[in-house]
Amino acid sequence: MNGSADDSGATMQPTASGNDQGWKARVLFYLVAGIPVAMLAAAPRVWLDLPQRVALVCHPTIADGGAFATGSPLLEPVPAPVLKANTAEELVDLLKAYDLWEVLEQERDPLQVLFAAYPPNLASLEDGRIRKRVFFHTLLPAALATLDEVAGERQVLRGILERLGSPPPETVRFGEQAPWRERLRPWETAFLAELVAKYNTDQAAELLLRVDVVPPSLILGQGALESDWGRSKLALSHHNPFGMMVGSRAASFGSIPEAVSEFVHLLNSHPAYRRFRQIRAKSRDPLVLATGLAGYSQRGAEYVQDVRRLIAGNRLQAYDRFTPRGQASLPDERAT
């Protein structure tokens, strides 16, 4: 099995999904917004997604000093509902019910509905084309949710660094004598400190390299390769379709979304993938980015070629049209 961090001992700590708190927050959201109950009942799949969209739209606006400028303006997105199918057939039905079965044929982005796990009888789907679609379209919502979060972090980070002047300070250490702290609001200082801890660097340029999105096609492609299309023991028993390791042990997660979040964070923060991040600063092409993943497997260059072939052979770049919401208004940094 191809591990992500078995040689380097990267530590992964899955976190709880917070789905129970999400539903409470969702109910509160509707009460505050004054949305009629009849409207919610008439269009359940629309209102399921509404709080997530509103939170992400408000995020940059509030950060510039809106109605909620006092206190912390970082409005946390309401967690999307996490669904679980007991059988492969149930999973197919859910994908169709939530308009995810033919997601590439739709003009709008998919709804924010996540799937907890691949069912144990996934291999019972004999049609290879159907099995591939089930694998990709189950993983896709978790990938987009994670990328939304990272894109939002990057957007706020770039705004903070712009406020610090041009060029920004080389480091954003939090000593009492740091002169740049006077130019930031309290919430900006707290947000920056959180990113420094999460991405394990206080170098401004390096932080921008790390806080960035990964093409959905690359997430889907590596997941398929590492998990044998969702049929591996790690994917089914540990919700770990990426073959991630903690030292010499297989990493275990509470759900597929948790695994996707950790996978993206691994690529964004671990020293083994510094070349990947350097390539990403110049190109978003997943076939080019894949050349920075030789360290993900002991097979090195052969592994890279397998990832590239899987992405190209399954036309996964079509999924890259789903732009993270927090990145939609960002300029093309590769042109600079």
Protein backbone atom coordinates (compact mmCIF):
# COMPACT_ATOMS: atom_id res chain seq x y z
CA MET A 1 0.00 0.00 0.00
CA ASN A 2 1.18 3.50 -0.80
CA GLY A 3 1.49 5.53 2.40
CA SER A 4 1.64 9.27 2.69
CA ALA A 5 3.80 9.76 5.73
CA ASP A 6 5.10 6.39 6.85
CA ASP A 7 8.75 7.43 6.49
CA SER A 8 8.39 10.85 8.07
CA GLY A 9 6.06 10.04 10.95
CA ALA A 10 3.51 12.76 10.21
CA THR A 11 0.87 12.95 12.91
CA MET A 12 -2.76 13.01 11.95
CA GLN A 13 -5.50 13.75 14.46
CA PRO A 14 -9.02 13.26 13.15
CA THR A 15 -11.60 15.60 14.61
CA ALA A 16 -15.29 15.13 15.26
CA SER A 17 -17.65 16.19 12.48
CA GLY A 18 -19.84 18.28 14.76
CA ASN A 19 -22.94 17.23 12.86
CA ASP A 20 -25.21 17.39 15.94
CA GLN A 21 -24.18 20.96 16.68
CA GLY A 22 -24.60 21.73 12.97
CA TRP A 23 -28.28 20.84 13.00
CA LYS A 24 -28.87 22.99 16.09
CA ALA A 25 -27.10 25.89 14.46
CA ARG A 26 -29.09 25.29 11.28
CA VAL A 27 -32.42 25.52 13.11
CA LEU A 28 -31.26 28.73 14.82
CA PHE A 29 -30.23 30.14 11.45
CA TYR A 30 -33.71 29.66 10.01
CA LEU A 31 -35.39 31.16 13.08
CA VAL A 32 -33.19 34.25 12.93
CA ALA A 33 -33.57 34.57 9.16
CA GLY A 34 -37.36 34.28 9.44
CA ILE A 35 -37.68 31.65 6.74
CA PRO A 36 -41.23 30.23 6.66
CA VAL A 37 -41.52 26.58 7.65
CA ALA A 38 -43.71 25.94 4.60
CA MET A 39 -40.89 27.09 2.33
CA LEU A 40 -38.42 24.75 4.00
CA ALA A 41 -40.76 21.80 3.59
CA ALA A 42 -41.37 22.63 -0.06
CA ALA A 43 -37.70 22.70 -1.05
CA PRO A 44 -35.68 20.64 1.43
CA ARG A 45 -32.63 20.18 -0.77
CA VAL A 46 -32.31 23.92 -1.25
CA TRP A 47 -32.55 24.92 2.39
CA LEU A 48 -30.11 22.22 3.42
CA ASP A 49 -27.45 24.14 1.54
CA LEU A 50 -28.53 27.70 2.39
CA PRO A 51 -26.66 28.37 5.67
CA GLN A 52 -23.37 27.12 4.20
CA ARG A 53 -23.70 29.41 1.19
CA VAL A 54 -24.71 32.44 3.30
CA ALA A 55 -21.84 31.90 5.74
CA LEU A 56 -19.26 31.72 2.97
CA VAL A 57 -20.68 34.73 1.15
CA CYS A 58 -20.71 36.81 4.34
CA HIS A 59 -17.20 35.83 5.39
CA PRO A 60 -15.12 38.33 3.33
CA THR A 61 -17.77 41.07 3.56
CA ILE A 62 -17.92 40.99 7.35
CA ALA A 63 -14.14 40.88 7.53
CA ASP A 64 -14.05 44.28 5.83
CA GLY A 65 -16.16 45.76 8.62
CA GLY A 66 -19.85 45.06 8.25
CA ALA A 67 -22.70 44.72 10.71
CA PHE A 68 -20.81 42.13 12.74
CA ALA A 69 -17.48 44.00 12.80
CA THR A 70 -17.43 44.11 16.60
CA GLY A 71 -15.95 40.95 18.04
CA SER A 72 -14.81 38.14 15.76
CA PRO A 73 -16.11 38.55 12.18
CA LEU A 74 -15.19 35.02 11.18
CA LEU A 75 -18.60 33.46 10.77
CA GLU A 76 -18.18 29.70 10.96
CA PRO A 77 -19.97 27.80 8.17
CA VAL A 78 -22.75 25.53 9.36
CA PRO A 79 -21.62 21.92 8.81
CA ALA A 80 -23.36 20.23 5.90
CA PRO A 81 -25.50 17.19 6.69
CA VAL A 82 -23.51 13.95 6.64
CA LEU A 83 -25.39 11.00 5.15
CA LYS A 84 -24.61 7.30 5.45
CA ALA A 85 -25.66 4.53 3.09
CA ASN A 86 -25.66 0.94 4.33
CA THR A 87 -25.44 -0.59 0.86
CA ALA A 88 -24.06 0.36 -2.52
CA GLU A 89 -27.59 0.48 -3.87
CA GLU A 90 -28.63 2.96 -1.18
CA LEU A 91 -25.62 5.12 -1.99
CA VAL A 92 -26.57 5.23 -5.67
CA ASP A 93 -30.10 6.29 -4.67
CA LEU A 94 -28.76 9.06 -2.41
CA LEU A 95 -26.45 10.38 -5.11
CA LYS A 96 -29.39 10.59 -7.49
CA ALA A 97 -31.72 12.11 -4.88
CA TYR A 98 -29.26 14.93 -4.13
CA ASP A 99 -28.47 15.66 -7.80
CA LEU A 100 -24.94 14.28 -7.52
CA TRP A 101 -25.27 11.40 -9.96
CA GLU A 102 -24.95 13.59 -13.07
CA VAL A 103 -23.16 16.48 -11.39
CA LEU A 104 -20.96 17.21 -14.42
CA GLU A 105 -24.01 17.75 -16.59
CA GLN A 106 -25.40 20.43 -14.27
CA GLU A 107 -24.62 24.12 -14.54
CA ARG A 108 -24.59 24.84 -10.80
CA ASP A 109 -22.23 23.54 -8.12
CA PRO A 110 -23.39 20.49 -6.16
CA LEU A 111 -25.26 20.93 -2.90
CA GLN A 112 -23.29 20.75 0.32
CA VAL A 113 -24.27 17.22 1.31
CA LEU A 114 -21.52 14.91 2.55
CA PHE A 115 -21.24 11.14 2.77
CA ALA A 116 -19.78 9.49 5.85
CA ALA A 117 -18.44 6.27 4.35
CA TYR A 118 -18.32 3.86 1.45
CA PRO A 119 -20.67 0.91 2.03
CA PRO A 120 -19.05 -2.48 2.69
CA ASN A 121 -20.56 -4.04 -0.45
CA LEU A 122 -19.24 -1.39 -2.83
CA ALA A 123 -17.46 -4.10 -4.83
CA SER A 124 -20.85 -5.70 -5.58
CA LEU A 125 -21.43 -3.06 -8.26
CA GLU A 126 -20.36 -5.13 -11.24
CA ASP A 127 -20.50 -2.36 -13.84
CA GLY A 128 -17.11 -0.66 -13.66
CA ARG A 129 -18.45 2.64 -15.00
CA ILE A 130 -21.11 2.78 -12.29
CA ARG A 131 -18.62 1.83 -9.57
CA LYS A 132 -16.24 4.59 -10.67
CA ARG A 133 -19.00 7.17 -10.69
CA VAL A 134 -20.13 6.13 -7.23
CA PHE A 135 -16.58 6.42 -5.94
CA PHE A 136 -15.90 9.85 -7.45
CA HIS A 137 -19.26 11.42 -6.70
CA THR A 138 -19.21 10.25 -3.08
CA LEU A 139 -15.76 11.75 -2.56
CA LEU A 140 -16.38 14.96 -4.50
CA PRO A 141 -18.61 16.80 -1.96
CA ALA A 142 -16.05 16.24 0.81
CA ALA A 143 -13.29 17.51 -1.48
CA LEU A 144 -15.21 20.67 -2.35
CA ALA A 145 -16.13 21.34 1.29
CA THR A 146 -12.47 21.12 2.31
CA LEU A 147 -11.36 23.31 -0.58
CA ASP A 148 -14.02 25.90 0.32
CA GLU A 149 -12.51 26.12 3.80
CA VAL A 150 -8.93 26.45 2.56
CA ALA A 151 -9.89 29.00 -0.09
CA GLY A 152 -11.63 31.08 2.57
CA GLU A 153 -8.53 30.95 4.76
CA ARG A 154 -6.37 32.05 1.85
CA GLN A 155 -8.64 34.93 0.93
CA VAL A 156 -8.59 36.34 4.46
CA LEU A 157 -4.84 35.72 4.78
CA ARG A 158 -4.10 37.68 1.61
CA GLY A 159 -6.26 40.55 2.85
CA ILE A 160 -4.36 40.64 6.16
CA LEU A 161 -0.94 40.57 4.45
CA GLU A 162 -2.01 43.41 2.16
CA ARG A 163 -2.91 45.47 5.23
CA LEU A 164 0.59 44.89 6.58
CA GLY A 165 2.08 46.72 3.61
CA SER A 166 4.01 45.89 0.47
CA PRO A 167 6.10 43.90 0.80
CA PRO A 168 4.65 42.26 3.94
CA PRO A 169 6.98 41.40 6.82
CA GLU A 170 9.12 38.30 6.29
CA THR A 171 7.83 36.73 9.49
CA VAL A 172 4.60 37.07 11.42
CA ARG A 173 5.94 36.11 14.83
CA PHE A 174 3.75 37.16 17.70
CA GLY A 175 6.21 38.82 20.05
CA GLU A 176 5.03 41.86 21.98
CA GLN A 177 7.42 44.11 20.02
CA ALA A 178 6.12 43.11 16.57
CA PRO A 179 5.42 46.50 14.94
CA TRP A 180 2.93 45.10 12.43
CA ARG A 181 0.49 44.09 15.16
CA GLU A 182 -0.65 47.70 15.54
CA ARG A 183 -1.98 47.65 11.97
CA LEU A 184 -4.29 44.69 12.55
CA ARG A 185 -7.66 44.35 14.22
CA PRO A 186 -7.80 41.93 17.17
CA TRP A 187 -9.67 39.33 15.13
CA GLU A 188 -7.04 39.54 12.37
CA THR A 189 -4.25 38.91 14.87
CA ALA A 190 -6.15 35.93 16.27
CA PHE A 191 -6.87 34.54 12.80
CA LEU A 192 -3.23 34.88 11.75
CA ALA A 193 -2.05 33.16 14.92
CA GLU A 194 -4.44 30.29 14.21
CA LEU A 195 -3.08 29.85 10.67
CA VAL A 196 0.53 29.95 11.90
CA ALA A 197 -0.23 27.13 14.33
CA LYS A 198 -2.27 25.10 11.84
CA TYR A 199 0.24 25.29 8.98
CA ASN A 200 3.34 25.23 11.18
CA THR A 201 5.17 28.26 9.80
CA ASP A 202 5.46 31.94 10.68
CA GLN A 203 7.12 32.90 7.38
CA ALA A 204 4.67 35.03 5.41
CA ALA A 205 5.74 33.81 1.97
CA GLU A 206 5.74 30.18 3.09
CA LEU A 207 2.31 30.61 4.68
CA LEU A 208 0.92 31.74 1.32
CA LEU A 209 2.49 28.67 -0.31
CA ARG A 210 0.80 26.39 2.19
CA VAL A 211 -2.65 27.92 2.54
CA ASP A 212 -3.90 27.05 -0.93
CA VAL A 213 -6.30 24.71 -2.70
CA VAL A 214 -5.66 21.39 -4.45
CA PRO A 215 -7.41 20.54 -7.76
CA PRO A 216 -10.42 18.26 -7.12
CA SER A 217 -9.15 15.98 -9.90
CA LEU A 218 -5.99 15.28 -7.94
CA ILE A 219 -7.93 14.43 -4.78
CA LEU A 220 -10.23 12.09 -6.71
CA GLY A 221 -7.39 10.50 -8.63
CA GLN A 222 -5.19 9.76 -5.64
CA GLY A 223 -8.16 8.50 -3.68
CA ALA A 224 -9.06 6.04 -6.45
CA LEU A 225 -5.47 4.85 -6.84
CA GLU A 226 -4.78 4.42 -3.14
CA SER A 227 -8.10 2.74 -2.27
CA ASP A 228 -8.66 0.54 -5.32
CA TRP A 229 -11.78 2.53 -6.10
CA GLY A 230 -12.98 2.52 -2.50
CA ARG A 231 -12.66 -1.24 -2.03
CA SER A 232 -9.52 -1.35 0.14
CA LYS A 233 -9.67 -2.27 3.82
CA LEU A 234 -8.42 1.19 4.80
CA ALA A 235 -11.16 2.87 2.79
CA LEU A 236 -13.95 0.68 4.15
CA SER A 237 -12.87 0.06 7.75
CA HIS A 238 -10.89 3.23 8.52
CA HIS A 239 -12.58 5.75 6.18
CA ASN A 240 -9.11 6.37 4.77
CA PRO A 241 -9.17 6.23 0.96
CA PHE A 242 -5.77 7.91 0.67
CA GLY A 243 -3.66 5.26 2.39
CA MET A 244 -2.40 7.74 4.99
CA MET A 245 -0.21 6.42 7.77
CA VAL A 246 0.73 7.53 11.27
CA GLY A 247 4.25 6.22 11.72
CA SER A 248 3.96 2.51 10.91
CA ARG A 249 0.19 2.35 11.51
CA ALA A 250 -2.70 3.07 9.21
CA ALA A 251 -4.50 6.30 10.02
CA SER A 252 -8.15 5.92 10.99
CA PHE A 253 -10.82 8.58 10.58
CA GLY A 254 -14.39 9.00 11.70
CA SER A 255 -15.64 9.73 8.19
CA ILE A 256 -14.62 10.36 4.60
CA PRO A 257 -14.80 14.18 5.01
CA GLU A 258 -12.32 13.99 7.91
CA ALA A 259 -9.91 11.97 5.77
CA VAL A 260 -10.17 14.42 2.87
CA SER A 261 -9.49 17.36 5.19
CA GLU A 262 -6.40 15.66 6.60
CA PHE A 263 -5.15 14.65 3.15
CA VAL A 264 -5.30 18.23 1.85
CA HIS A 265 -3.67 19.52 5.04
CA LEU A 266 -0.90 16.93 4.64
CA LEU A 267 -0.09 18.16 1.14
CA ASN A 268 -0.23 21.76 2.36
CA SER A 269 1.96 21.47 5.43
CA HIS A 270 4.25 18.42 5.43
CA PRO A 271 7.92 18.97 4.44
CA ALA A 272 7.76 15.97 2.09
CA TYR A 273 5.47 17.92 -0.26
CA ARG A 274 7.33 21.22 -0.41
CA ARG A 275 8.09 20.66 -4.11
CA PHE A 276 4.39 20.04 -4.72
CA ARG A 277 3.60 23.41 -3.18
CA GLN A 278 6.32 25.17 -5.17
CA ILE A 279 4.94 23.73 -8.40
CA ARG A 280 1.41 24.77 -7.41
CA ALA A 281 2.52 28.40 -7.09
CA LYS A 282 3.19 28.33 -10.85
CA SER A 283 0.63 25.85 -12.18
CA ARG A 284 -2.76 24.44 -11.21
CA ASP A 285 -2.61 21.73 -13.85
CA PRO A 286 -3.10 18.45 -11.93
CA LEU A 287 -0.88 16.55 -14.39
CA VAL A 288 1.94 18.98 -13.65
CA LEU A 289 1.23 19.05 -9.92
CA ALA A 290 1.39 15.26 -9.75
CA THR A 291 5.15 15.44 -10.42
CA GLY A 292 5.51 16.83 -6.90
CA LEU A 293 4.03 13.69 -5.33
CA ALA A 294 6.92 11.29 -5.84
CA GLY A 295 7.43 11.19 -2.07
CA TYR A 296 3.91 9.90 -1.46
CA SER A 297 4.96 6.38 -2.39
CA GLN A 298 8.15 4.33 -2.37
CA ARG A 299 7.48 3.76 -6.07
CA GLY A 300 8.44 7.38 -6.75
CA ALA A 301 8.30 8.29 -10.45
CA GLU A 302 6.21 5.22 -11.30
CA TYR A 303 3.61 6.31 -8.77
CA VAL A 304 3.50 9.78 -10.32
CA GLN A 305 2.84 8.27 -13.73
CA ASP A 306 0.02 6.14 -12.30
CA VAL A 307 -1.63 9.24 -10.81
CA ARG A 308 -1.30 11.12 -14.09
CA ARG A 309 -2.69 8.22 -16.13
CA LEU A 310 -5.66 7.81 -13.78
CA ILE A 311 -6.53 11.51 -13.92
CA ALA A 312 -6.18 11.73 -17.70
CA GLY A 313 -7.77 8.34 -18.44
CA ASN A 314 -10.89 9.13 -16.41
CA ARG A 315 -11.08 12.76 -17.55
CA LEU A 316 -11.06 13.95 -13.97
CA GLN A 317 -10.02 17.46 -14.94
CA ALA A 318 -13.68 18.04 -15.76
CA TYR A 319 -14.28 18.24 -11.99
CA ASP A 320 -11.84 21.14 -11.67
CA ARG A 321 -14.51 23.51 -12.95
CA PHE A 322 -16.02 23.49 -9.46
CA THR A 323 -14.28 26.58 -8.07
CA PRO A 324 -14.08 26.88 -4.28
CA ARG A 325 -16.46 29.65 -3.24
CA GLY A 326 -13.81 31.48 -1.26
CA GLN A 327 -11.56 31.60 -4.34
CA ALA A 328 -14.07 32.77 -6.93
CA SER A 329 -13.10 36.44 -6.65
CA LEU A 330 -9.34 35.93 -6.43
CA PRO A 331 -7.16 37.05 -9.36
CA ASP A 332 -5.15 34.48 -11.26
CA GLU A 333 -1.95 34.50 -9.23
CA ARG A 334 -0.10 32.49 -11.86
CA ALA A 335 -0.28 35.47 -14.22
CA THR A 336 1.80 37.62 -11.88
